[in-house]
Amino acid sequence: MVQQKFPPRVVYIEYKGEGLHGSARIGRVTFSRTGATLYYSGREFGRLGGHGFKANYRDVNSGEEYWISGPRRDGADRLYKSNWPVEIDEDAREGYWVEIRRKPEWKDRKQASLATMNRPNATKLTRA
């Protein structure tokens, strides 16, 4: 069996089509062979290469722009502060709370919110 060059990873995903604050979630993505394309929930995301406004990836099919990055240990993933929670996908939840946030006692929480983050986030992006 050939080891995958870019293994699946837990990331922060924020929709940027609504302006500075967009819906956001924590989820697990997979990568293309080269690592240039991300796949999440049936969507394909290509890099913008520095050409996006507050975004670094674009949905290849819809053209919608997103900010996708590794989640921060302190939970402050957003560029601009907001008071909405971030949904956490079931398949990413334990890795997020245990490995990234280092809060294993919170591993059953489905959202990162005011109570769990210094800079809370918005939620509208849904998983198909």
N, C-alpha and C. Protein backbone atom coordinates (compact mmCIF):
# COMPACT_ATOMS: atom_id res chain seq x y z
N MET A 1 0.84 -1.18 0.00
CA MET A 1 0.00 0.00 0.00
C MET A 1 0.89 1.25 0.00
N VAL A 2 0.60 2.19 -0.87
CA VAL A 2 1.36 3.42 -0.99
C VAL A 2 0.86 4.43 0.04
N GLN A 3 1.79 5.03 0.80
CA GLN A 3 1.40 6.04 1.78
C GLN A 3 1.04 7.33 1.06
N GLN A 4 -0.07 7.91 1.47
CA GLN A 4 -0.55 9.15 0.86
C GLN A 4 0.37 10.29 1.25
N LYS A 5 0.78 11.10 0.26
CA LYS A 5 1.69 12.21 0.50
C LYS A 5 1.07 13.26 1.40
N PHE A 6 -0.21 13.53 1.22
CA PHE A 6 -0.93 14.51 2.02
C PHE A 6 -2.11 13.82 2.71
N PRO A 7 -1.93 13.37 3.95
CA PRO A 7 -3.02 12.67 4.64
C PRO A 7 -4.17 13.61 4.98
N PRO A 8 -5.37 13.09 5.24
CA PRO A 8 -6.51 13.93 5.64
C PRO A 8 -6.13 14.79 6.84
N ARG A 9 -6.75 15.97 6.93
CA ARG A 9 -6.39 16.94 7.98
C ARG A 9 -7.62 17.68 8.47
N VAL A 10 -7.64 18.01 9.75
CA VAL A 10 -8.70 18.83 10.34
C VAL A 10 -8.36 20.29 10.04
N VAL A 11 -9.34 21.03 9.49
CA VAL A 11 -9.12 22.43 9.12
C VAL A 11 -10.30 23.30 9.55
N TYR A 12 -10.05 24.60 9.53
CA TYR A 12 -11.07 25.62 9.74
C TYR A 12 -11.51 26.09 8.35
N ILE A 13 -12.82 26.14 8.10
CA ILE A 13 -13.37 26.52 6.79
C ILE A 13 -14.38 27.64 7.01
N GLU A 14 -14.15 28.78 6.36
CA GLU A 14 -15.07 29.91 6.50
C GLU A 14 -15.48 30.43 5.12
N TYR A 15 -16.78 30.53 4.89
CA TYR A 15 -17.33 31.07 3.66
C TYR A 15 -17.13 32.59 3.64
N LYS A 16 -16.56 33.12 2.56
CA LYS A 16 -16.26 34.55 2.51
C LYS A 16 -17.18 35.33 1.57
N GLY A 17 -18.21 34.71 1.03
CA GLY A 17 -19.13 35.39 0.13
C GLY A 17 -20.07 36.35 0.82
N GLU A 18 -20.12 36.32 2.16
CA GLU A 18 -21.00 37.20 2.92
C GLU A 18 -20.25 38.42 3.45
N GLY A 19 -19.01 38.62 3.05
CA GLY A 19 -18.22 39.74 3.54
C GLY A 19 -17.16 39.28 4.52
N LEU A 20 -16.87 40.12 5.51
CA LEU A 20 -15.81 39.81 6.46
C LEU A 20 -16.16 38.64 7.37
N HIS A 21 -17.45 38.49 7.71
CA HIS A 21 -17.90 37.40 8.56
C HIS A 21 -18.75 36.45 7.73
N GLY A 22 -18.36 35.19 7.70
CA GLY A 22 -19.15 34.20 6.97
C GLY A 22 -19.37 32.97 7.83
N SER A 23 -20.19 32.08 7.35
CA SER A 23 -20.43 30.84 8.08
C SER A 23 -19.12 30.06 8.15
N ALA A 24 -18.96 29.32 9.25
CA ALA A 24 -17.69 28.63 9.47
C ALA A 24 -17.90 27.30 10.15
N ARG A 25 -16.94 26.40 9.93
CA ARG A 25 -16.97 25.10 10.60
C ARG A 25 -15.58 24.50 10.65
N ILE A 26 -15.45 23.52 11.50
CA ILE A 26 -14.23 22.73 11.59
C ILE A 26 -14.56 21.39 10.95
N GLY A 27 -13.74 20.96 10.00
CA GLY A 27 -14.00 19.70 9.31
C GLY A 27 -12.72 19.05 8.84
N ARG A 28 -12.85 17.84 8.34
CA ARG A 28 -11.71 17.08 7.85
C ARG A 28 -11.70 17.13 6.32
N VAL A 29 -10.57 17.53 5.76
CA VAL A 29 -10.42 17.59 4.31
C VAL A 29 -9.44 16.52 3.85
N THR A 30 -9.56 16.17 2.57
CA THR A 30 -8.57 15.32 1.92
C THR A 30 -7.94 16.14 0.81
N PHE A 31 -6.83 15.67 0.31
CA PHE A 31 -6.05 16.42 -0.67
C PHE A 31 -5.90 15.64 -1.96
N SER A 32 -5.67 16.37 -3.05
CA SER A 32 -5.32 15.74 -4.32
C SER A 32 -3.91 15.18 -4.19
N ARG A 33 -3.48 14.46 -5.18
CA ARG A 33 -2.15 13.86 -5.17
C ARG A 33 -1.05 14.91 -5.00
N THR A 34 -1.23 16.08 -5.61
CA THR A 34 -0.24 17.15 -5.53
C THR A 34 -0.42 18.04 -4.31
N GLY A 35 -1.57 17.97 -3.65
CA GLY A 35 -1.85 18.80 -2.49
C GLY A 35 -2.42 20.16 -2.85
N ALA A 36 -2.58 20.45 -4.14
CA ALA A 36 -3.07 21.76 -4.57
C ALA A 36 -4.59 21.89 -4.45
N THR A 37 -5.29 20.78 -4.42
CA THR A 37 -6.75 20.79 -4.35
C THR A 37 -7.20 20.12 -3.07
N LEU A 38 -8.20 20.73 -2.40
CA LEU A 38 -8.78 20.16 -1.19
C LEU A 38 -10.17 19.63 -1.51
N TYR A 39 -10.58 18.59 -0.80
CA TYR A 39 -11.91 18.03 -0.96
C TYR A 39 -12.58 18.00 0.40
N TYR A 40 -13.81 18.55 0.45
CA TYR A 40 -14.57 18.57 1.70
C TYR A 40 -16.05 18.42 1.38
N SER A 41 -16.67 17.44 1.95
CA SER A 41 -18.11 17.25 1.86
C SER A 41 -18.63 17.32 0.43
N GLY A 42 -17.96 16.62 -0.47
CA GLY A 42 -18.39 16.58 -1.86
C GLY A 42 -18.01 17.79 -2.68
N ARG A 43 -17.28 18.72 -2.10
CA ARG A 43 -16.85 19.92 -2.81
C ARG A 43 -15.36 19.84 -3.11
N GLU A 44 -14.96 20.55 -4.15
CA GLU A 44 -13.57 20.61 -4.57
C GLU A 44 -13.11 22.06 -4.49
N PHE A 45 -12.02 22.31 -3.78
CA PHE A 45 -11.51 23.66 -3.57
C PHE A 45 -10.12 23.81 -4.18
N GLY A 46 -9.95 24.83 -5.00
CA GLY A 46 -8.66 25.13 -5.60
C GLY A 46 -8.09 26.40 -5.00
N ARG A 47 -6.78 26.49 -4.94
CA ARG A 47 -6.10 27.66 -4.38
C ARG A 47 -6.34 28.91 -5.22
N LEU A 48 -6.40 30.05 -4.54
CA LEU A 48 -6.53 31.33 -5.23
C LEU A 48 -5.17 31.96 -5.51
N GLY A 49 -4.14 31.47 -4.89
CA GLY A 49 -2.79 31.96 -5.14
C GLY A 49 -2.59 33.43 -4.82
N GLY A 50 -3.21 33.91 -3.75
CA GLY A 50 -3.05 35.31 -3.35
C GLY A 50 -3.96 36.28 -4.07
N HIS A 51 -4.89 35.78 -4.89
CA HIS A 51 -5.76 36.66 -5.67
C HIS A 51 -7.15 36.84 -5.08
N GLY A 52 -7.40 36.32 -3.89
CA GLY A 52 -8.71 36.47 -3.26
C GLY A 52 -8.72 37.59 -2.25
N PHE A 53 -9.92 38.14 -1.99
CA PHE A 53 -10.09 39.15 -0.95
C PHE A 53 -10.49 38.44 0.33
N LYS A 54 -9.59 38.35 1.29
CA LYS A 54 -9.81 37.67 2.56
C LYS A 54 -10.17 36.20 2.35
N ALA A 55 -9.71 35.61 1.24
CA ALA A 55 -9.97 34.21 0.93
C ALA A 55 -8.71 33.61 0.32
N ASN A 56 -8.55 32.30 0.48
CA ASN A 56 -7.40 31.63 -0.11
C ASN A 56 -7.77 30.44 -0.98
N TYR A 57 -9.06 30.04 -0.98
CA TYR A 57 -9.53 28.94 -1.81
C TYR A 57 -10.85 29.31 -2.47
N ARG A 58 -11.14 28.66 -3.58
CA ARG A 58 -12.39 28.86 -4.31
C ARG A 58 -13.00 27.50 -4.58
N ASP A 59 -14.32 27.40 -4.39
CA ASP A 59 -15.04 26.19 -4.78
C ASP A 59 -14.96 26.10 -6.30
N VAL A 60 -14.40 25.02 -6.80
CA VAL A 60 -14.14 24.88 -8.24
C VAL A 60 -15.44 24.95 -9.05
N ASN A 61 -16.53 24.42 -8.53
CA ASN A 61 -17.79 24.39 -9.28
C ASN A 61 -18.61 25.67 -9.15
N SER A 62 -18.72 26.23 -7.94
CA SER A 62 -19.57 27.40 -7.74
C SER A 62 -18.83 28.73 -7.85
N GLY A 63 -17.52 28.71 -7.68
CA GLY A 63 -16.73 29.94 -7.70
C GLY A 63 -16.75 30.69 -6.38
N GLU A 64 -17.47 30.19 -5.37
CA GLU A 64 -17.54 30.85 -4.07
C GLU A 64 -16.18 30.78 -3.38
N GLU A 65 -15.85 31.86 -2.65
CA GLU A 65 -14.55 31.94 -2.01
C GLU A 65 -14.62 31.57 -0.53
N TYR A 66 -13.53 30.96 -0.03
CA TYR A 66 -13.43 30.47 1.34
C TYR A 66 -12.06 30.77 1.91
N TRP A 67 -12.02 30.88 3.23
CA TRP A 67 -10.76 30.90 3.96
C TRP A 67 -10.63 29.53 4.60
N ILE A 68 -9.59 28.79 4.23
CA ILE A 68 -9.35 27.45 4.77
C ILE A 68 -7.95 27.45 5.36
N SER A 69 -7.87 27.07 6.63
CA SER A 69 -6.56 27.05 7.30
C SER A 69 -6.57 26.02 8.41
N GLY A 70 -5.40 25.73 8.92
CA GLY A 70 -5.30 24.88 10.09
C GLY A 70 -5.89 25.60 11.28
N PRO A 71 -6.68 24.92 12.10
CA PRO A 71 -7.27 25.58 13.26
C PRO A 71 -6.20 25.96 14.28
N ARG A 72 -6.44 27.06 14.97
CA ARG A 72 -5.50 27.54 15.98
C ARG A 72 -5.75 26.87 17.33
N ARG A 73 -4.72 26.68 18.08
CA ARG A 73 -4.84 26.06 19.40
C ARG A 73 -5.74 26.87 20.33
N ASP A 74 -5.70 28.20 20.20
CA ASP A 74 -6.54 29.04 21.08
C ASP A 74 -7.95 29.23 20.54
N GLY A 75 -8.26 28.67 19.37
CA GLY A 75 -9.60 28.76 18.82
C GLY A 75 -9.91 30.05 18.10
N ALA A 76 -8.96 30.97 18.02
CA ALA A 76 -9.18 32.27 17.39
C ALA A 76 -8.86 32.18 15.89
N ASP A 77 -9.68 31.47 15.16
CA ASP A 77 -9.42 31.22 13.74
C ASP A 77 -9.83 32.36 12.83
N ARG A 78 -10.79 33.16 13.24
CA ARG A 78 -11.29 34.25 12.42
C ARG A 78 -10.35 35.44 12.40
N LEU A 79 -10.34 36.12 11.27
CA LEU A 79 -9.57 37.35 11.15
C LEU A 79 -10.27 38.48 11.92
N TYR A 80 -11.61 38.51 11.85
CA TYR A 80 -12.40 39.54 12.52
C TYR A 80 -13.32 38.91 13.56
N LYS A 81 -13.36 39.48 14.74
CA LYS A 81 -14.15 38.96 15.85
C LYS A 81 -15.64 38.96 15.52
N SER A 82 -16.32 37.89 15.93
CA SER A 82 -17.77 37.81 15.82
C SER A 82 -18.27 36.98 17.00
N ASN A 83 -19.58 36.89 17.17
CA ASN A 83 -20.12 36.19 18.33
C ASN A 83 -20.90 34.93 17.97
N TRP A 84 -20.74 34.39 16.78
CA TRP A 84 -21.46 33.18 16.39
C TRP A 84 -20.59 31.95 16.57
N PRO A 85 -21.20 30.82 16.93
CA PRO A 85 -20.42 29.60 17.13
C PRO A 85 -19.97 28.97 15.80
N VAL A 86 -19.02 28.07 15.90
CA VAL A 86 -18.52 27.30 14.76
C VAL A 86 -18.94 25.85 14.97
N GLU A 87 -19.60 25.27 13.97
CA GLU A 87 -19.98 23.86 14.03
C GLU A 87 -18.73 23.01 13.84
N ILE A 88 -18.70 21.86 14.51
CA ILE A 88 -17.58 20.94 14.38
C ILE A 88 -18.13 19.61 13.87
N ASP A 89 -17.63 19.17 12.72
CA ASP A 89 -18.09 17.91 12.14
C ASP A 89 -17.76 16.73 13.05
N GLU A 90 -18.64 15.74 13.03
CA GLU A 90 -18.47 14.54 13.87
C GLU A 90 -17.12 13.88 13.65
N ASP A 91 -16.70 13.74 12.39
CA ASP A 91 -15.45 13.04 12.10
C ASP A 91 -14.19 13.84 12.45
N ALA A 92 -14.35 15.11 12.80
CA ALA A 92 -13.23 15.97 13.16
C ALA A 92 -13.21 16.33 14.64
N ARG A 93 -14.30 16.03 15.33
CA ARG A 93 -14.50 16.53 16.69
C ARG A 93 -13.40 16.09 17.67
N GLU A 94 -13.13 14.81 17.75
CA GLU A 94 -12.15 14.34 18.73
C GLU A 94 -10.75 14.88 18.40
N GLY A 95 -10.36 14.84 17.14
CA GLY A 95 -9.06 15.37 16.75
C GLY A 95 -8.93 16.85 17.05
N TYR A 96 -10.01 17.59 16.84
CA TYR A 96 -9.99 19.03 17.10
C TYR A 96 -9.81 19.32 18.59
N TRP A 97 -10.67 18.72 19.42
CA TRP A 97 -10.62 19.03 20.85
C TRP A 97 -9.41 18.42 21.56
N VAL A 98 -8.99 17.22 21.17
CA VAL A 98 -7.90 16.54 21.87
C VAL A 98 -6.53 16.98 21.35
N GLU A 99 -6.32 16.91 20.04
CA GLU A 99 -5.00 17.17 19.47
C GLU A 99 -4.73 18.66 19.24
N ILE A 100 -5.72 19.40 18.77
CA ILE A 100 -5.48 20.80 18.42
C ILE A 100 -5.71 21.73 19.62
N ARG A 101 -6.90 21.65 20.20
CA ARG A 101 -7.22 22.55 21.32
C ARG A 101 -6.68 22.06 22.66
N ARG A 102 -6.31 20.78 22.73
CA ARG A 102 -5.79 20.16 23.96
C ARG A 102 -6.77 20.29 25.12
N LYS A 103 -8.03 20.01 24.80
CA LYS A 103 -9.12 20.04 25.79
C LYS A 103 -9.90 18.73 25.67
N PRO A 104 -9.29 17.58 26.01
CA PRO A 104 -9.97 16.29 25.82
C PRO A 104 -11.30 16.19 26.55
N GLU A 105 -11.47 16.94 27.62
CA GLU A 105 -12.74 16.90 28.36
C GLU A 105 -13.89 17.50 27.55
N TRP A 106 -13.59 18.22 26.46
CA TRP A 106 -14.61 18.84 25.62
C TRP A 106 -14.87 18.05 24.33
N LYS A 107 -14.31 16.86 24.19
CA LYS A 107 -14.36 16.14 22.91
C LYS A 107 -15.76 15.81 22.40
N ASP A 108 -16.79 15.91 23.24
CA ASP A 108 -18.16 15.66 22.80
C ASP A 108 -18.89 16.92 22.37
N ARG A 109 -18.27 18.08 22.49
CA ARG A 109 -18.91 19.34 22.11
C ARG A 109 -19.00 19.46 20.59
N LYS A 110 -20.16 19.88 20.13
CA LYS A 110 -20.43 19.99 18.69
C LYS A 110 -20.17 21.38 18.14
N GLN A 111 -19.91 22.33 19.03
CA GLN A 111 -19.65 23.71 18.61
C GLN A 111 -18.52 24.29 19.44
N ALA A 112 -17.80 25.18 18.79
CA ALA A 112 -16.87 26.04 19.51
C ALA A 112 -17.60 27.38 19.58
N SER A 113 -17.83 27.90 20.78
CA SER A 113 -18.65 29.11 20.93
C SER A 113 -18.00 30.08 21.91
N LEU A 114 -18.74 31.09 22.30
CA LEU A 114 -18.24 32.09 23.25
C LEU A 114 -17.61 31.45 24.47
N ALA A 115 -18.20 30.37 24.94
CA ALA A 115 -17.70 29.72 26.14
C ALA A 115 -16.39 28.97 25.89
N THR A 116 -16.06 28.68 24.63
CA THR A 116 -14.89 27.87 24.35
C THR A 116 -13.84 28.58 23.52
N MET A 117 -14.09 29.82 23.09
CA MET A 117 -13.16 30.51 22.23
C MET A 117 -12.93 31.94 22.69
N ASN A 118 -11.75 32.45 22.42
CA ASN A 118 -11.47 33.85 22.70
C ASN A 118 -12.12 34.75 21.67
N ARG A 119 -12.14 34.30 20.41
CA ARG A 119 -12.73 35.07 19.31
C ARG A 119 -13.73 34.15 18.60
N PRO A 120 -15.01 34.16 18.96
CA PRO A 120 -16.00 33.25 18.40
C PRO A 120 -16.26 33.48 16.92
N ASN A 121 -16.91 32.49 16.30
CA ASN A 121 -17.09 32.47 14.86
C ASN A 121 -18.55 32.30 14.45
N ALA A 122 -18.79 32.41 13.16
CA ALA A 122 -20.13 32.29 12.59
C ALA A 122 -20.37 30.88 12.07
N THR A 123 -21.65 30.52 11.91
CA THR A 123 -21.98 29.19 11.39
C THR A 123 -23.13 29.30 10.39
N LYS A 124 -22.87 28.95 9.16
CA LYS A 124 -23.90 28.81 8.13
C LYS A 124 -23.51 27.72 7.15
N LEU A 125 -22.22 27.58 6.92
CA LEU A 125 -21.69 26.57 6.03
C LEU A 125 -22.17 25.20 6.53
N THR A 126 -22.81 24.45 5.68
CA THR A 126 -23.34 23.17 6.10
C THR A 126 -22.63 22.04 5.40
N ARG A 127 -22.62 20.92 6.03
CA ARG A 127 -22.00 19.74 5.45
C ARG A 127 -23.08 18.96 4.73
N ALA A 128 -22.78 18.56 3.51
CA ALA A 128 -23.76 17.82 2.70
C ALA A 128 -23.91 16.41 3.18
